[in-house]
Amino acid sequence: MTDIFAQLLRERGLDEHFLYPKYDELFAPGNMKGVKKAVARIRQARERDEKIIIYGDYDADGVTASTLMRDALKYYGCEKIEVILPNRFTDGYGLNLPAVDKIAHRGAKLVITVDCGSGSEETIAALKERGIDTVVTDHHEIPSMPVSAVAVINPKRGDKVGTRMAGVGVAFTLARALNADQNGGECDGQEKWLLDLVVIGTICDSMELREENRILSYYGMKVLARTRRPGIKELARAASVDLAKLNTHAIGFQLGPRINAAGRMKSADLALDLMMSTSRTKAFALANELDGLNKERREAQDRAVKEIAVDDREPVIVTCGQWHEGILGIIAGRLVELYHKPAFALTDLGDGRLKGSGRSFGDFSLADVLQNCPDGILLTGGGHAGACGLSLEAKKLSDFQVFVQKYYRSLKLKNQEKYLRIASDIVLSDFSGVTEELFDEICLLEPFGDGNTEPIFEFTGVVEGCRMLKEKHLSITLSDKQGKPMKMMGFYAAPEWSKVHVGERVRVQFMLTKNEFRGKTTLEGSLISLERM
């Protein structure tokens, strides 16, 4: 073991048990509240040959959870199964009242929610009045317990297990319980083939990768590398991902965005159809369509950010344009990254209304912004401290802008940028310890995420070479005191990075990557931050 990796493990308090977790140490599914009641109701549905509707969400977690639940029910012996995903633009998030007629029209007797349902008591009660039972599987906060549901499986109820799980992880818990119920109380191992979906949804929903999520994601990576699903194979092809050399970055930044692009730009049904497809030919076409939608999303996002003029005098960015509704949150998030200010991005709906998303950090809570906004400005608004959605009349935009800036200043917040700073794991004095052996050891920590972040190195040195690529990516070469060089890439570089010049001393933070080109392998750095000295 290299000295650097040993130091990293010590500082994170990790051991061999973390590096090589055991699948059989997952908690028993029956230990989560609501699971036993849910299994009993689904068993009844199977025996009565009832129609079951799975109601999901339009993001990667919701799509993978919906696919997983359908597969689990089919393996359990249920035959009449249908999946419904809401439309981001017409339905909004979650199980809502307009869905009642749709579900009843399809002749369902049981609804199983995935990644939603915890705040849908009114809808669940309305379904119950129609003679339709509901089983909720979710991981979001519970504003009020959906008492009309037959069963509620959500670790936020106060469970001691599964508290870090994504919606797909909670769905997998029920899937394990169904498998065990069908096989004399013990899983037969077939449920493990669902883990490819679990790892995608868990990583894309930014869950903390500790305890049960460490086990699920660790084995999920192995199953994903050997996935049987034509849809995932074709998605990987379209994203230029080699499943045999899978890493977290490929899931979070290549596969995930393409799945999410369906719901953001058109309809999540496209991603669902891809995940559920058994035809390689159909999967090929769907994967290409998602790849095209993701390119549209990225281009629209880049155009929007490029055209936005930020007023340095104002503490909060409030901007409005003609942008696609599905990318407003991404635009706001990108503005936060670039300018280190909370941001609201709004688009003109063309009917006198504006719709927007906000992103924040530190002590500036967007939930508080919406709550304190004077009556008559907002039409709708909801969210939490770090993210929100809102709508208002176009003629009220100026009032909203004035209020937001005044409200921020009234809080008299200090040193908020500290919340955006990323702590370095290892400070390097030179590049002598940066070896392929170290890179391979770091890969043992995969997959990375909240609670198990990719190691970040810090180095101060002289710029030997630098250039901007496509006017947005920075390529620099640094050298240590012994003259050993190392190339580093900064994708979508912050504006001030373009001012760096050869011969200048800089302090950088970077993650270690491996670049393979024409049969030659080199270690490079992926820039996280850059400070001119």
Protein backbone atom coordinates (compact mmCIF):
# COMPACT_ATOMS: atom_id res chain seq x y z
CA MET A 1 0.00 0.00 0.00
CA THR A 2 1.36 3.42 -0.93
CA ASP A 3 2.04 5.95 1.82
CA ILE A 4 -0.47 8.40 0.36
CA PHE A 5 -3.30 5.85 0.27
CA ALA A 6 -2.51 4.67 3.80
CA GLN A 7 -2.69 8.27 4.99
CA LEU A 8 -6.00 8.75 3.21
CA LEU A 9 -7.56 5.69 4.86
CA ARG A 10 -6.37 6.80 8.30
CA GLU A 11 -7.77 10.29 7.95
CA ARG A 12 -11.15 8.98 6.74
CA GLY A 13 -11.32 6.25 9.35
CA LEU A 14 -11.69 3.52 6.72
CA ASP A 15 -10.56 -0.10 6.79
CA GLU A 16 -10.65 -3.33 4.81
CA HIS A 17 -14.32 -3.81 5.74
CA PHE A 18 -15.19 -0.63 3.84
CA LEU A 19 -13.01 -1.50 0.87
CA TYR A 20 -14.53 -4.97 0.55
CA PRO A 21 -18.09 -4.92 2.00
CA LYS A 22 -20.20 -8.10 2.27
CA TYR A 23 -23.58 -8.32 0.57
CA ASP A 24 -25.02 -10.60 3.24
CA GLU A 25 -24.56 -7.84 5.82
CA LEU A 26 -27.48 -5.90 4.34
CA PHE A 27 -30.26 -5.52 6.88
CA ALA A 28 -33.22 -7.89 6.64
CA PRO A 29 -35.92 -6.15 4.54
CA GLY A 30 -38.56 -6.95 7.14
CA ASN A 31 -36.75 -4.65 9.56
CA MET A 32 -38.04 -1.61 7.66
CA LYS A 33 -41.47 -0.39 8.72
CA GLY A 34 -44.30 -1.15 6.31
CA VAL A 35 -42.53 -3.89 4.35
CA LYS A 36 -44.49 -6.82 5.78
CA LYS A 37 -47.84 -5.09 5.19
CA ALA A 38 -46.79 -4.23 1.64
CA VAL A 39 -45.80 -7.83 0.88
CA ALA A 40 -49.12 -9.11 2.21
CA ARG A 41 -51.10 -6.70 -0.01
CA ILE A 42 -49.02 -7.49 -3.10
CA ARG A 43 -49.41 -11.22 -2.43
CA GLN A 44 -53.17 -10.66 -2.35
CA ALA A 45 -53.00 -8.77 -5.65
CA ARG A 46 -51.11 -11.66 -7.22
CA GLU A 47 -53.63 -14.21 -5.96
CA ARG A 48 -56.57 -12.13 -7.23
CA ASP A 49 -54.83 -11.31 -10.52
CA GLU A 50 -55.36 -7.59 -9.90
CA LYS A 51 -54.02 -4.79 -12.06
CA ILE A 52 -51.08 -3.03 -10.36
CA ILE A 53 -49.86 0.42 -11.32
CA ILE A 54 -46.38 1.58 -10.39
CA TYR A 55 -46.29 5.36 -10.06
CA GLY A 56 -42.82 6.88 -10.21
CA ASP A 57 -40.92 10.07 -10.88
CA TYR A 58 -39.29 11.66 -13.92
CA ASP A 59 -35.66 11.68 -12.76
CA ALA A 60 -33.01 8.94 -12.85
CA ASP A 61 -33.92 7.71 -9.36
CA GLY A 62 -37.60 7.51 -10.27
CA VAL A 63 -36.99 5.84 -13.63
CA THR A 64 -34.65 3.19 -12.23
CA ALA A 65 -36.93 2.58 -9.21
CA SER A 66 -39.95 2.15 -11.51
CA THR A 67 -38.09 -0.32 -13.71
CA LEU A 68 -36.83 -2.23 -10.68
CA MET A 69 -40.30 -2.51 -9.14
CA ARG A 70 -41.80 -3.76 -12.38
CA ASP A 71 -39.10 -6.43 -12.70
CA ALA A 72 -39.55 -7.46 -9.06
CA LEU A 73 -43.32 -7.81 -9.44
CA LYS A 74 -42.94 -9.83 -12.62
CA TYR A 75 -40.51 -12.20 -10.90
CA TYR A 76 -42.95 -12.45 -8.00
CA GLY A 77 -45.62 -13.69 -10.40
CA CYS A 78 -47.75 -10.58 -10.91
CA GLU A 79 -48.88 -10.30 -14.52
CA LYS A 80 -50.98 -7.14 -14.90
CA ILE A 81 -48.47 -4.35 -14.32
CA GLU A 82 -48.29 -0.84 -15.74
CA VAL A 83 -45.89 2.03 -15.01
CA ILE A 84 -46.98 5.66 -14.98
CA LEU A 85 -44.48 8.52 -14.76
CA PRO A 86 -45.66 12.11 -14.32
CA ASN A 87 -44.75 14.75 -16.88
CA ARG A 88 -42.55 17.50 -15.47
CA PHE A 89 -44.32 20.21 -17.46
CA THR A 90 -47.99 19.21 -17.19
CA ASP A 91 -48.24 17.05 -14.07
CA GLY A 92 -45.50 18.27 -11.76
CA TYR A 93 -43.84 16.12 -9.15
CA GLY A 94 -45.42 13.20 -7.33
CA LEU A 95 -48.72 11.39 -7.01
CA ASN A 96 -51.29 14.16 -7.42
CA LEU A 97 -55.07 14.41 -7.75
CA PRO A 98 -55.20 14.56 -11.58
CA ALA A 99 -53.64 11.08 -11.58
CA VAL A 100 -56.67 9.56 -9.81
CA ASP A 101 -58.88 9.45 -12.90
CA LYS A 102 -56.00 8.16 -15.01
CA ILE A 103 -55.33 5.31 -12.59
CA ALA A 104 -59.02 4.44 -12.14
CA HIS A 105 -59.54 4.44 -15.91
CA ARG A 106 -56.84 1.79 -16.27
CA GLY A 107 -58.71 -0.56 -13.94
CA ALA A 108 -56.07 -0.74 -11.24
CA LYS A 109 -56.78 -2.12 -7.77
CA LEU A 110 -53.34 -1.40 -6.32
CA VAL A 111 -50.91 1.48 -6.75
CA ILE A 112 -47.28 1.18 -5.68
CA THR A 113 -45.42 4.47 -5.58
CA VAL A 114 -41.66 4.65 -5.98
CA ASP A 115 -39.58 7.73 -5.12
CA CYS A 116 -42.75 9.65 -4.24
CA GLY A 117 -46.02 9.45 -2.32
CA SER A 118 -45.02 10.54 1.19
CA GLY A 119 -46.88 13.84 0.86
CA SER A 120 -49.85 12.53 -1.15
CA GLU A 121 -52.44 11.73 1.52
CA GLU A 122 -55.20 13.62 -0.33
CA THR A 123 -54.59 11.66 -3.53
CA ILE A 124 -54.23 8.32 -1.72
CA ALA A 125 -57.52 8.97 0.12
CA ALA A 126 -59.21 9.77 -3.20
CA LEU A 127 -57.90 6.51 -4.66
CA LYS A 128 -59.18 4.62 -1.62
CA GLU A 129 -62.65 6.05 -2.22
CA ARG A 130 -62.49 4.52 -5.71
CA GLY A 131 -61.60 1.13 -4.22
CA ILE A 132 -57.89 1.41 -5.08
CA ASP A 133 -55.26 0.63 -2.44
CA THR A 134 -51.85 2.32 -2.28
CA VAL A 135 -48.45 1.12 -1.09
CA VAL A 136 -45.96 3.96 -0.72
CA THR A 137 -42.22 3.41 -1.18
CA ASP A 138 -40.25 6.64 -0.88
CA HIS A 139 -37.26 8.31 0.76
CA HIS A 140 -38.33 11.95 0.91
CA GLU A 141 -39.41 13.83 4.02
CA ILE A 142 -42.94 13.06 5.24
CA PRO A 143 -44.89 16.33 5.63
CA SER A 144 -47.89 14.41 6.98
CA MET A 145 -48.23 10.65 7.23
CA PRO A 146 -50.33 9.22 4.35
CA VAL A 147 -52.63 7.33 6.71
CA SER A 148 -54.93 6.17 3.90
CA ALA A 149 -52.17 4.00 2.44
CA VAL A 150 -52.14 0.25 3.09
CA ALA A 151 -48.41 0.48 3.80
CA VAL A 152 -45.78 3.21 3.89
CA ILE A 153 -42.17 2.17 3.39
CA ASN A 154 -39.97 5.18 4.02
CA PRO A 155 -36.92 5.23 6.33
CA LYS A 156 -37.89 8.81 7.24
CA ARG A 157 -40.61 7.23 9.40
CA GLY A 158 -37.91 6.67 11.98
CA ASP A 159 -36.33 3.43 10.83
CA LYS A 160 -32.89 2.56 12.11
CA VAL A 161 -32.00 1.08 8.72
CA GLY A 162 -32.02 2.40 5.15
CA THR A 163 -31.87 6.04 6.20
CA ARG A 164 -29.41 6.93 3.43
CA MET A 165 -31.24 5.12 0.64
CA ALA A 166 -32.46 6.66 -2.60
CA GLY A 167 -35.95 5.87 -3.83
CA VAL A 168 -34.52 2.98 -5.82
CA GLY A 169 -32.86 1.61 -2.68
CA VAL A 170 -36.17 1.60 -0.80
CA ALA A 171 -37.82 -0.10 -3.78
CA PHE A 172 -35.04 -2.70 -3.72
CA THR A 173 -35.79 -3.40 -0.06
CA LEU A 174 -39.37 -4.29 -0.99
CA ALA A 175 -38.08 -6.32 -3.95
CA ARG A 176 -35.87 -8.36 -1.61
CA ALA A 177 -38.85 -8.96 0.68
CA LEU A 178 -40.98 -10.17 -2.25
CA ASN A 179 -38.19 -12.48 -3.41
CA ALA A 180 -37.82 -13.93 0.09
CA ASP A 181 -41.60 -14.38 0.42
CA GLN A 182 -41.58 -16.38 -2.80
CA ASN A 183 -38.63 -18.54 -1.75
CA GLY A 184 -39.41 -19.76 1.73
CA GLY A 185 -38.15 -16.73 3.60
CA GLU A 186 -34.70 -16.44 1.97
CA CYS A 187 -33.72 -14.61 -1.21
CA ASP A 188 -32.60 -16.89 -4.02
CA GLY A 189 -29.98 -14.43 -5.32
CA GLN A 190 -31.87 -13.39 -8.43
CA GLU A 191 -32.65 -10.03 -6.82
CA LYS A 192 -28.96 -9.11 -7.22
CA TRP A 193 -29.51 -8.57 -10.94
CA LEU A 194 -31.55 -5.49 -9.96
CA LEU A 195 -28.48 -3.83 -8.47
CA ASP A 196 -27.46 -2.26 -11.80
CA LEU A 197 -30.55 -0.07 -11.46
CA VAL A 198 -29.89 0.57 -7.77
CA VAL A 199 -26.38 1.94 -8.28
CA ILE A 200 -27.48 4.26 -11.11
CA GLY A 201 -30.36 5.73 -9.13
CA THR A 202 -28.37 5.99 -5.91
CA ILE A 203 -25.42 7.82 -7.46
CA CYS A 204 -27.56 10.09 -9.65
CA ASP A 205 -29.67 11.10 -6.63
CA SER A 206 -26.50 12.06 -4.71
CA MET A 207 -27.09 9.74 -1.78
CA GLU A 208 -24.56 9.27 1.02
CA LEU A 209 -22.52 6.20 0.14
CA ARG A 210 -22.05 4.76 3.61
CA GLU A 211 -23.39 1.67 5.41
CA GLU A 212 -26.15 0.01 3.31
CA ASN A 213 -25.51 2.33 0.37
CA ARG A 214 -21.84 1.32 0.36
CA ILE A 215 -22.91 -2.32 0.04
CA LEU A 216 -25.56 -1.65 -2.61
CA SER A 217 -23.37 0.61 -4.73
CA TYR A 218 -20.27 -1.60 -4.42
CA TYR A 219 -22.10 -4.67 -5.73
CA GLY A 220 -24.19 -2.53 -8.04
CA MET A 221 -21.04 -1.51 -9.89
CA LYS A 222 -20.16 -5.17 -10.41
CA VAL A 223 -23.64 -6.02 -11.72
CA LEU A 224 -23.74 -2.91 -13.93
CA ALA A 225 -20.47 -3.97 -15.55
CA ARG A 226 -22.21 -7.23 -16.57
CA THR A 227 -25.74 -5.89 -17.02
CA ARG A 228 -28.23 -7.97 -18.96
CA ARG A 229 -30.28 -4.95 -19.97
CA PRO A 230 -30.10 -3.98 -23.65
CA GLY A 231 -31.18 -0.46 -22.70
CA ILE A 232 -28.25 0.14 -20.39
CA LYS A 233 -25.82 -1.42 -22.86
CA GLU A 234 -27.04 0.85 -25.63
CA LEU A 235 -27.06 3.90 -23.35
CA ALA A 236 -23.43 3.15 -22.49
CA ARG A 237 -22.60 2.86 -26.19
CA ALA A 238 -24.25 6.20 -26.95
CA ALA A 239 -22.39 7.83 -24.05
CA SER A 240 -19.04 6.24 -25.03
CA VAL A 241 -18.89 4.42 -21.70
CA ASP A 242 -16.99 1.14 -21.43
CA LEU A 243 -18.99 -0.85 -18.87
CA ALA A 244 -15.97 -3.08 -18.29
CA LYS A 245 -14.04 -0.02 -17.02
CA LEU A 246 -16.88 1.58 -15.14
CA ASN A 247 -16.40 4.40 -12.62
CA THR A 248 -18.57 6.85 -10.72
CA HIS A 249 -17.92 9.65 -13.19
CA ALA A 250 -19.35 7.55 -16.02
CA ILE A 251 -22.57 6.97 -14.08
CA GLY A 252 -23.01 10.47 -12.66
CA PHE A 253 -21.88 12.52 -15.64
CA GLN A 254 -22.52 10.33 -18.69
CA LEU A 255 -25.29 7.79 -18.08
CA GLY A 256 -27.30 9.80 -15.54
CA PRO A 257 -27.60 13.05 -17.52
CA ARG A 258 -28.90 11.14 -20.54
CA ILE A 259 -31.57 9.45 -18.43
CA ASN A 260 -32.53 12.77 -16.88
CA ALA A 261 -32.52 14.52 -20.25
CA ALA A 262 -35.69 12.64 -21.21
CA GLY A 263 -37.72 14.16 -18.37
CA ARG A 264 -36.04 17.56 -18.67
CA MET A 265 -36.41 18.05 -22.39
CA LYS A 266 -39.35 15.87 -23.46
CA SER A 267 -40.81 12.93 -21.50
CA ALA A 268 -39.36 10.55 -18.92
CA ASP A 269 -41.28 7.77 -20.67
CA LEU A 270 -38.43 7.63 -23.20
CA ALA A 271 -35.93 6.75 -20.46
CA LEU A 272 -38.38 4.28 -18.92
CA ASP A 273 -38.91 2.56 -22.26
CA LEU A 274 -35.15 2.33 -22.68
CA MET A 275 -34.61 0.78 -19.24
CA MET A 276 -37.41 -1.74 -19.77
CA SER A 277 -36.58 -2.58 -23.38
CA THR A 278 -35.80 -6.20 -24.27
CA SER A 279 -35.04 -5.38 -27.90
CA ARG A 280 -31.51 -4.31 -28.78
CA THR A 281 -32.82 -2.61 -31.93
CA LYS A 282 -35.40 -0.56 -30.03
CA ALA A 283 -32.88 0.21 -27.30
CA PHE A 284 -30.40 1.43 -29.92
CA ALA A 285 -32.92 3.97 -31.24
CA LEU A 286 -34.02 5.12 -27.78
CA ALA A 287 -30.44 5.51 -26.54
CA ASN A 288 -29.62 7.64 -29.56
CA GLU A 289 -32.70 9.78 -28.90
CA LEU A 290 -31.67 10.32 -25.28
CA ASP A 291 -28.15 11.16 -26.41
CA GLY A 292 -29.61 13.77 -28.76
CA LEU A 293 -31.80 15.23 -26.01
CA ASN A 294 -28.79 15.44 -23.71
CA LYS A 295 -26.85 17.35 -26.35
CA GLU A 296 -29.80 19.72 -26.72
CA ARG A 297 -29.88 20.15 -22.95
CA ARG A 298 -26.16 20.84 -22.73
CA GLU A 299 -26.18 23.28 -25.66
CA ALA A 300 -29.20 25.14 -24.31
CA GLN A 301 -27.59 25.31 -20.89
CA ASP A 302 -24.29 26.61 -22.27
CA ARG A 303 -26.05 29.24 -24.41
CA ALA A 304 -28.08 30.45 -21.46
CA VAL A 305 -25.13 30.75 -19.08
CA LYS A 306 -23.05 32.49 -21.75
CA GLU A 307 -25.69 35.11 -22.47
CA ILE A 308 -26.40 35.96 -18.83
CA ALA A 309 -24.87 39.22 -17.65
CA VAL A 310 -24.19 39.15 -13.93
CA ASP A 311 -24.28 42.39 -11.94
CA ASP A 312 -21.30 42.26 -9.58
CA ARG A 313 -22.96 44.82 -7.29
CA GLU A 314 -25.87 42.55 -6.39
CA PRO A 315 -25.46 39.68 -3.88
CA VAL A 316 -27.99 37.40 -5.61
CA ILE A 317 -28.33 36.57 -9.30
CA VAL A 318 -31.91 36.91 -10.55
CA THR A 319 -32.05 36.43 -14.29
CA CYS A 320 -34.79 35.82 -16.84
CA GLY A 321 -34.69 34.65 -20.45
CA GLN A 322 -36.28 32.46 -23.09
CA TRP A 323 -35.06 29.11 -21.83
CA HIS A 324 -36.37 25.56 -21.72
CA GLU A 325 -38.25 24.86 -18.49
CA GLY A 326 -36.38 21.62 -17.94
CA ILE A 327 -32.94 23.22 -17.58
CA LEU A 328 -33.69 26.12 -15.23
CA GLY A 329 -32.32 24.30 -12.20
CA ILE A 330 -29.14 23.41 -14.08
CA ILE A 331 -28.68 27.03 -15.18
CA ALA A 332 -29.12 28.29 -11.62
CA GLY A 333 -26.69 25.69 -10.31
CA ARG A 334 -24.11 26.58 -12.93
CA LEU A 335 -24.37 30.27 -12.05
CA VAL A 336 -23.70 29.41 -8.40
CA GLU A 337 -20.60 27.45 -9.42
CA LEU A 338 -19.25 30.22 -11.65
CA TYR A 339 -20.04 33.32 -9.58
CA HIS A 340 -20.33 31.99 -6.01
CA LYS A 341 -23.69 33.69 -5.50
CA PRO A 342 -27.20 32.29 -4.93
CA ALA A 343 -29.09 32.32 -8.22
CA PHE A 344 -32.61 32.32 -9.62
CA ALA A 345 -33.11 31.43 -13.29
CA LEU A 346 -36.55 32.18 -14.75
CA THR A 347 -38.07 31.67 -18.17
CA ASP A 348 -40.97 33.44 -19.87
CA LEU A 349 -43.84 31.00 -20.46
CA GLY A 350 -45.38 33.34 -23.02
CA ASP A 351 -48.70 33.74 -21.21
CA GLY A 352 -47.76 36.50 -18.84
CA ARG A 353 -46.14 34.14 -16.35
CA LEU A 354 -42.55 33.36 -15.46
CA LYS A 355 -41.38 30.00 -14.12
CA GLY A 356 -38.08 29.53 -12.37
CA SER A 357 -35.68 27.56 -10.21
CA GLY A 358 -33.35 28.73 -7.49
CA ARG A 359 -30.12 27.34 -6.07
CA SER A 360 -28.30 28.50 -2.96
CA PHE A 361 -25.70 27.56 -0.34
CA GLY A 362 -24.61 28.47 3.17
CA ASP A 363 -26.96 30.49 5.37
CA PHE A 364 -29.17 31.89 2.60
CA SER A 365 -32.25 29.66 2.66
CA LEU A 366 -34.46 29.71 -0.41
CA ALA A 367 -37.32 28.26 1.63
CA ASP A 368 -37.08 31.38 3.83
CA VAL A 369 -36.98 33.60 0.75
CA LEU A 370 -40.25 32.17 -0.51
CA GLN A 371 -41.86 32.29 2.93
CA ASN A 372 -40.93 35.95 3.48
CA CYS A 373 -41.76 37.14 -0.03
CA PRO A 374 -44.54 39.77 0.20
CA ASP A 375 -48.05 38.70 -0.77
CA GLY A 376 -48.93 39.32 -4.38
CA ILE A 377 -45.50 38.69 -5.90
CA LEU A 378 -45.40 34.90 -6.23
CA LEU A 379 -48.02 32.69 -7.81
CA THR A 380 -46.46 29.44 -6.58
CA GLY A 381 -43.31 28.45 -4.75
CA GLY A 382 -41.84 25.55 -2.87
CA GLY A 383 -38.56 23.89 -1.99
CA HIS A 384 -35.93 23.77 0.70
CA ALA A 385 -32.85 25.72 1.78
CA GLY A 386 -30.68 24.85 -1.20
CA ALA A 387 -33.15 24.55 -4.08
CA CYS A 388 -36.61 25.79 -4.97
CA GLY A 389 -39.13 26.22 -7.75
CA LEU A 390 -41.40 29.22 -8.24
CA SER A 391 -43.68 31.07 -10.63
CA LEU A 392 -44.85 34.68 -10.83
CA GLU A 393 -46.48 37.14 -13.18
CA ALA A 394 -44.00 38.69 -15.59
CA LYS A 395 -45.00 42.18 -14.46
CA LYS A 396 -43.90 41.23 -10.92
CA LEU A 397 -40.31 40.37 -11.91
CA SER A 398 -38.90 43.74 -10.85
CA ASP A 399 -40.67 43.51 -7.49
CA PHE A 400 -39.21 40.06 -6.94
CA GLN A 401 -35.70 41.18 -7.87
CA VAL A 402 -35.86 44.15 -5.50
CA PHE A 403 -37.19 41.99 -2.65
CA VAL A 404 -34.55 39.26 -3.05
CA GLN A 405 -31.60 41.67 -2.99
CA LYS A 406 -33.05 43.61 -0.06
CA TYR A 407 -33.81 40.42 1.85
CA TYR A 408 -30.27 39.06 1.36
CA ARG A 409 -28.72 42.29 2.59
CA SER A 410 -31.03 42.36 5.62
CA LEU A 411 -29.53 39.06 6.80
CA LYS A 412 -26.05 40.65 6.99
CA LEU A 413 -24.39 37.35 6.10
CA LYS A 414 -20.62 37.14 6.27
CA ASN A 415 -18.04 34.96 4.50
CA GLN A 416 -20.58 32.78 2.68
CA GLU A 417 -18.00 31.57 0.17
CA LYS A 418 -16.54 29.37 2.88
CA TYR A 419 -19.44 26.98 2.26
CA LEU A 420 -18.30 26.50 -1.34
CA ARG A 421 -14.70 25.72 -0.46
CA ILE A 422 -13.71 22.11 -0.78
CA ALA A 423 -11.29 20.65 1.72
CA SER A 424 -8.22 18.90 0.35
CA ASP A 425 -7.51 15.32 1.45
CA ILE A 426 -3.79 15.36 0.70
CA VAL A 427 -1.40 18.30 0.20
CA LEU A 428 1.43 17.30 -2.15
CA SER A 429 4.89 18.81 -2.01
CA ASP A 430 5.82 17.10 -5.29
CA PHE A 431 4.46 14.57 -7.79
CA SER A 432 6.75 11.68 -6.84
CA GLY A 433 3.96 9.79 -5.05
CA VAL A 434 1.45 10.25 -7.86
CA THR A 435 1.75 6.84 -9.47
CA GLU A 436 -0.44 4.31 -11.25
CA GLU A 437 -0.33 2.19 -8.11
CA LEU A 438 -1.88 5.07 -6.17
CA PHE A 439 -4.53 5.51 -8.86
CA ASP A 440 -5.43 1.81 -8.68
CA GLU A 441 -5.69 2.01 -4.88
CA ILE A 442 -8.00 5.02 -5.09
CA CYS A 443 -10.24 3.01 -7.41
CA LEU A 444 -10.85 0.59 -4.51
CA LEU A 445 -12.94 3.36 -2.92
CA GLU A 446 -15.34 3.45 -5.89
CA PRO A 447 -18.10 4.38 -6.22
CA PHE A 448 -17.65 7.92 -4.95
CA GLY A 449 -20.30 10.24 -3.63
CA ASP A 450 -21.53 12.05 -0.54
CA GLY A 451 -19.86 10.48 2.51
CA ASN A 452 -17.20 8.88 0.31
CA THR A 453 -15.96 11.65 -1.92
CA GLU A 454 -13.28 11.20 -4.52
CA PRO A 455 -9.89 12.14 -2.98
CA ILE A 456 -8.83 15.72 -3.65
CA PHE A 457 -5.17 16.64 -3.86
CA GLU A 458 -3.69 20.09 -3.40
CA PHE A 459 -0.47 21.35 -4.98
CA THR A 460 1.29 24.68 -5.38
CA GLY A 461 3.63 25.07 -8.34
CA VAL A 462 4.66 26.88 -11.49
CA VAL A 463 2.62 26.89 -14.70
CA GLU A 464 4.79 25.45 -17.48
CA GLY A 465 2.08 25.58 -20.12
CA CYS A 466 -1.56 26.65 -20.47
CA ARG A 467 -4.21 27.07 -23.13
CA MET A 468 -7.96 27.43 -23.42
CA LEU A 469 -9.80 24.81 -25.45
CA LYS A 470 -13.02 25.74 -27.25
CA GLU A 471 -13.01 28.94 -25.17
CA LYS A 472 -14.33 27.08 -22.11
CA HIS A 473 -11.88 24.34 -21.03
CA LEU A 474 -8.48 25.04 -19.48
CA SER A 475 -5.46 22.80 -20.04
CA ILE A 476 -2.41 23.55 -17.90
CA THR A 477 0.86 21.81 -17.08
CA LEU A 478 2.44 22.30 -13.66
CA SER A 479 5.88 21.25 -12.50
CA ASP A 480 7.22 20.45 -9.04
CA LYS A 481 10.59 21.50 -7.59
CA GLN A 482 12.29 18.50 -9.19
CA GLY A 483 10.95 19.55 -12.59
CA LYS A 484 8.45 16.68 -12.85
CA PRO A 485 5.46 17.87 -14.90
CA MET A 486 1.80 16.99 -14.60
CA LYS A 487 -1.00 17.95 -16.96
CA MET A 488 -4.35 19.12 -15.56
CA MET A 489 -7.70 19.85 -17.20
CA GLY A 490 -10.35 22.28 -16.01
CA PHE A 491 -13.61 21.62 -17.84
CA TYR A 492 -16.03 24.54 -18.07
CA ALA A 493 -13.40 26.71 -16.42
CA ALA A 494 -14.39 29.63 -14.22
CA PRO A 495 -13.89 32.99 -16.02
CA GLU A 496 -10.88 34.01 -13.89
CA TRP A 497 -9.01 30.83 -14.82
CA SER A 498 -8.52 32.12 -18.35
CA LYS A 499 -6.18 34.81 -16.96
CA VAL A 500 -3.54 32.27 -15.89
CA HIS A 501 -0.23 32.55 -17.77
CA VAL A 502 3.02 30.60 -18.11
CA GLY A 503 5.56 31.17 -15.34
CA GLU A 504 2.89 32.05 -12.76
CA ARG A 505 2.63 30.24 -9.42
CA VAL A 506 -0.78 28.77 -8.68
CA ARG A 507 -2.41 26.69 -5.97
CA VAL A 508 -4.68 24.00 -7.39
CA GLN A 509 -7.00 21.30 -6.12
CA PHE A 510 -7.48 18.31 -8.38
CA MET A 511 -8.67 14.72 -8.60
CA LEU A 512 -6.49 12.05 -10.16
CA THR A 513 -7.56 10.67 -13.53
CA LYS A 514 -6.08 8.32 -16.09
CA ASN A 515 -5.94 9.28 -19.75
CA GLU A 516 -5.55 6.53 -22.35
CA PHE A 517 -4.71 7.76 -25.85
CA ARG A 518 -3.29 5.71 -28.74
CA GLY A 519 -2.18 2.98 -26.40
CA LYS A 520 -0.36 5.31 -24.05
CA THR A 521 -1.57 5.80 -20.47
CA THR A 522 -0.80 8.94 -18.49
CA LEU A 523 -1.98 10.24 -15.14
CA GLU A 524 -3.61 13.66 -15.20
CA GLY A 525 -5.38 15.99 -12.81
CA SER A 526 -9.00 17.09 -13.07
CA LEU A 527 -9.07 20.64 -11.71
CA ILE A 528 -11.45 21.49 -8.89
CA SER A 529 -10.09 24.91 -7.99
CA LEU A 530 -7.31 27.23 -9.10
CA GLU A 531 -5.90 30.19 -7.18
CA ARG A 532 -3.30 32.55 -8.61
CA MET A 533 -0.53 33.32 -6.12
